[in-house]
Amino acid sequence: MLPQVIRRKVAALALLVSALGAGMTGCVAQTPDTVSLRVQGADADASVTVDDQYLGALAYVAKRGVALPPGQHRVTVEKAGYFPWDRLVTARSGVGPIVLTVELRRIPD
């Protein structure tokens, strides 16, 4: 048999855990909303960055896509010998994917 002090502490702890659990009902871990970004273009080896973060070659990004959080994002595609391609896009929750077709223009000699 447990001493009276320990039984009180165990009962208080059980009550605390029960109260915390009751306050957590209805709490569900939510995944943040994201919007799919699809980038396509003929220059497969061009570099793609979103918000100044390098994502990879255009072919890789075109194949995998990018999950963007809602808000404004700057998409840049660059390749040596070509003008940079730069767009500001707005990702909105509940709206379909953003599809960008990139056409790089060669820098004249």
C-alpha atoms as a PDB file:
ATOM      1  CA  MET A   1       0.000   0.000   0.000  1.00  0.00           C
ATOM      2  CA  LEU A   2       1.290   3.453  -0.965  1.00  0.00           C
ATOM      3  CA  PRO A   3       1.745   6.096   1.689  1.00  0.00           C
ATOM      4  CA  GLN A   4      -0.954   8.772   1.790  1.00  0.00           C
ATOM      5  CA  VAL A   5       1.384  11.522   0.470  1.00  0.00           C
ATOM      6  CA  ILE A   6       2.302   9.524  -2.632  1.00  0.00           C
ATOM      7  CA  ARG A   7      -1.356   8.653  -3.332  1.00  0.00           C
ATOM      8  CA  ARG A   8      -2.280  12.352  -3.180  1.00  0.00           C
ATOM      9  CA  LYS A   9       0.556  13.266  -5.562  1.00  0.00           C
ATOM     10  CA  VAL A  10      -0.429  10.499  -7.999  1.00  0.00           C
ATOM     11  CA  ALA A  11      -4.072  11.626  -7.868  1.00  0.00           C
ATOM     12  CA  ALA A  12      -3.061  15.268  -8.442  1.00  0.00           C
ATOM     13  CA  LEU A  13      -0.859  14.260 -11.364  1.00  0.00           C
ATOM     14  CA  ALA A  14      -3.659  12.162 -12.894  1.00  0.00           C
ATOM     15  CA  LEU A  15      -6.049  15.107 -12.542  1.00  0.00           C
ATOM     16  CA  LEU A  16      -3.530  17.445 -14.199  1.00  0.00           C
ATOM     17  CA  VAL A  17      -2.944  15.044 -17.104  1.00  0.00           C
ATOM     18  CA  SER A  18      -6.694  14.602 -17.525  1.00  0.00           C
ATOM     19  CA  ALA A  19      -7.272  18.375 -17.545  1.00  0.00           C
ATOM     20  CA  LEU A  20      -4.521  18.913 -20.092  1.00  0.00           C
ATOM     21  CA  GLY A  21      -5.906  16.136 -22.270  1.00  0.00           C
ATOM     22  CA  ALA A  22      -9.421  17.583 -22.088  1.00  0.00           C
ATOM     23  CA  GLY A  23      -8.120  20.961 -23.213  1.00  0.00           C
ATOM     24  CA  MET A  24      -6.379  19.356 -26.186  1.00  0.00           C
ATOM     25  CA  THR A  25      -9.430  17.661 -27.692  1.00  0.00           C
ATOM     26  CA  GLY A  26     -10.131  19.229 -31.022  1.00  0.00           C
ATOM     27  CA  CYS A  27      -6.485  20.213 -31.436  1.00  0.00           C
ATOM     28  CA  VAL A  28      -5.208  18.674 -34.617  1.00  0.00           C
ATOM     29  CA  ALA A  29      -1.769  19.234 -36.061  1.00  0.00           C
ATOM     30  CA  GLN A  30      -2.266  21.224 -39.222  1.00  0.00           C
ATOM     31  CA  THR A  31      -0.075  21.127 -42.257  1.00  0.00           C
ATOM     32  CA  PRO A  32       0.620  24.552 -43.620  1.00  0.00           C
ATOM     33  CA  ASP A  33      -1.165  25.351 -46.874  1.00  0.00           C
ATOM     34  CA  THR A  34       1.080  25.309 -49.896  1.00  0.00           C
ATOM     35  CA  VAL A  35       0.625  26.076 -53.556  1.00  0.00           C
ATOM     36  CA  SER A  36       2.310  24.027 -56.256  1.00  0.00           C
ATOM     37  CA  LEU A  37       4.708  25.867 -58.557  1.00  0.00           C
ATOM     38  CA  ARG A  38       5.509  24.265 -61.912  1.00  0.00           C
ATOM     39  CA  VAL A  39       8.318  25.729 -64.003  1.00  0.00           C
ATOM     40  CA  GLN A  40       8.935  24.546 -67.545  1.00  0.00           C
ATOM     41  CA  GLY A  41      11.238  25.573 -70.371  1.00  0.00           C
ATOM     42  CA  ALA A  42      13.650  24.427 -73.040  1.00  0.00           C
ATOM     43  CA  ASP A  43      16.887  25.267 -71.191  1.00  0.00           C
ATOM     44  CA  ALA A  44      17.067  22.212 -68.931  1.00  0.00           C
ATOM     45  CA  ASP A  45      20.431  23.183 -67.393  1.00  0.00           C
ATOM     46  CA  ALA A  46      19.378  26.725 -66.378  1.00  0.00           C
ATOM     47  CA  SER A  47      19.473  27.473 -62.612  1.00  0.00           C
ATOM     48  CA  VAL A  48      16.215  28.100 -60.749  1.00  0.00           C
ATOM     49  CA  THR A  49      15.997  30.142 -57.554  1.00  0.00           C
ATOM     50  CA  VAL A  50      12.939  31.080 -55.519  1.00  0.00           C
ATOM     51  CA  ASP A  51      13.274  33.938 -53.050  1.00  0.00           C
ATOM     52  CA  ASP A  52      17.071  33.851 -53.522  1.00  0.00           C
ATOM     53  CA  GLN A  53      17.237  30.156 -52.576  1.00  0.00           C
ATOM     54  CA  TYR A  54      18.780  27.890 -55.211  1.00  0.00           C
ATOM     55  CA  LEU A  55      16.498  24.950 -56.052  1.00  0.00           C
ATOM     56  CA  GLY A  56      18.375  23.237 -58.860  1.00  0.00           C
ATOM     57  CA  ALA A  57      18.451  22.902 -62.616  1.00  0.00           C
ATOM     58  CA  LEU A  58      15.290  23.722 -64.553  1.00  0.00           C
ATOM     59  CA  ALA A  59      14.869  20.070 -65.605  1.00  0.00           C
ATOM     60  CA  TYR A  60      14.957  18.960 -61.945  1.00  0.00           C
ATOM     61  CA  VAL A  61      12.525  21.649 -60.778  1.00  0.00           C
ATOM     62  CA  ALA A  62      10.208  20.970 -63.750  1.00  0.00           C
ATOM     63  CA  LYS A  63      10.084  17.300 -62.841  1.00  0.00           C
ATOM     64  CA  ARG A  64       9.614  17.720 -59.083  1.00  0.00           C
ATOM     65  CA  GLY A  65       7.729  20.989 -58.742  1.00  0.00           C
ATOM     66  CA  VAL A  66       7.946  23.297 -55.751  1.00  0.00           C
ATOM     67  CA  ALA A  67       5.573  23.722 -52.789  1.00  0.00           C
ATOM     68  CA  LEU A  68       5.276  27.425 -51.986  1.00  0.00           C
ATOM     69  CA  PRO A  69       3.695  28.884 -48.855  1.00  0.00           C
ATOM     70  CA  PRO A  70       1.026  31.511 -49.529  1.00  0.00           C
ATOM     71  CA  GLY A  71       2.381  34.958 -50.327  1.00  0.00           C
ATOM     72  CA  GLN A  72       4.591  36.668 -52.865  1.00  0.00           C
ATOM     73  CA  HIS A  73       7.684  34.937 -54.224  1.00  0.00           C
ATOM     74  CA  ARG A  74      10.394  35.888 -56.708  1.00  0.00           C
ATOM     75  CA  VAL A  75      11.242  33.171 -59.249  1.00  0.00           C
ATOM     76  CA  THR A  76      14.498  33.601 -61.162  1.00  0.00           C
ATOM     77  CA  VAL A  77      15.932  31.410 -63.924  1.00  0.00           C
ATOM     78  CA  GLU A  78      19.516  32.045 -65.066  1.00  0.00           C
ATOM     79  CA  LYS A  79      21.950  30.583 -67.551  1.00  0.00           C
ATOM     80  CA  ALA A  80      25.345  31.855 -68.701  1.00  0.00           C
ATOM     81  CA  GLY A  81      25.054  33.787 -71.967  1.00  0.00           C
ATOM     82  CA  TYR A  82      21.347  34.551 -71.444  1.00  0.00           C
ATOM     83  CA  PHE A  83      19.408  37.384 -69.841  1.00  0.00           C
ATOM     84  CA  PRO A  84      18.009  36.337 -66.443  1.00  0.00           C
ATOM     85  CA  TRP A  85      14.303  35.498 -66.419  1.00  0.00           C
ATOM     86  CA  ASP A  86      12.602  36.938 -63.343  1.00  0.00           C
ATOM     87  CA  ARG A  87       8.964  36.918 -62.207  1.00  0.00           C
ATOM     88  CA  LEU A  88       7.095  37.899 -59.062  1.00  0.00           C
ATOM     89  CA  VAL A  89       4.293  35.402 -58.356  1.00  0.00           C
ATOM     90  CA  THR A  90       1.608  35.345 -55.696  1.00  0.00           C
ATOM     91  CA  ALA A  91       0.693  31.978 -54.194  1.00  0.00           C
ATOM     92  CA  ARG A  92      -2.889  31.877 -52.901  1.00  0.00           C
ATOM     93  CA  SER A  93      -4.345  29.047 -50.802  1.00  0.00           C
ATOM     94  CA  GLY A  94      -7.066  27.104 -52.546  1.00  0.00           C
ATOM     95  CA  VAL A  95      -6.006  28.266 -56.003  1.00  0.00           C
ATOM     96  CA  GLY A  96      -4.620  25.745 -58.491  1.00  0.00           C
ATOM     97  CA  PRO A  97      -0.956  25.383 -59.304  1.00  0.00           C
ATOM     98  CA  ILE A  98       1.143  28.236 -60.662  1.00  0.00           C
ATOM     99  CA  VAL A  99       2.584  27.258 -64.050  1.00  0.00           C
ATOM    100  CA  LEU A 100       5.445  29.301 -65.497  1.00  0.00           C
ATOM    101  CA  THR A 101       6.891  28.801 -68.951  1.00  0.00           C
ATOM    102  CA  VAL A 102      10.428  30.133 -69.142  1.00  0.00           C
ATOM    103  CA  GLU A 103      11.893  31.397 -72.412  1.00  0.00           C
ATOM    104  CA  LEU A 104      15.443  32.610 -71.961  1.00  0.00           C
ATOM    105  CA  ARG A 105      16.782  35.174 -74.455  1.00  0.00           C
ATOM    106  CA  ARG A 106      20.409  34.992 -75.527  1.00  0.00           C
ATOM    107  CA  ILE A 107      22.570  38.034 -74.786  1.00  0.00           C
ATOM    108  CA  PRO A 108      23.696  39.437 -78.153  1.00  0.00           C
ATOM    109  CA  ASP A 109      27.442  39.459 -78.892  1.00  0.00           C
END
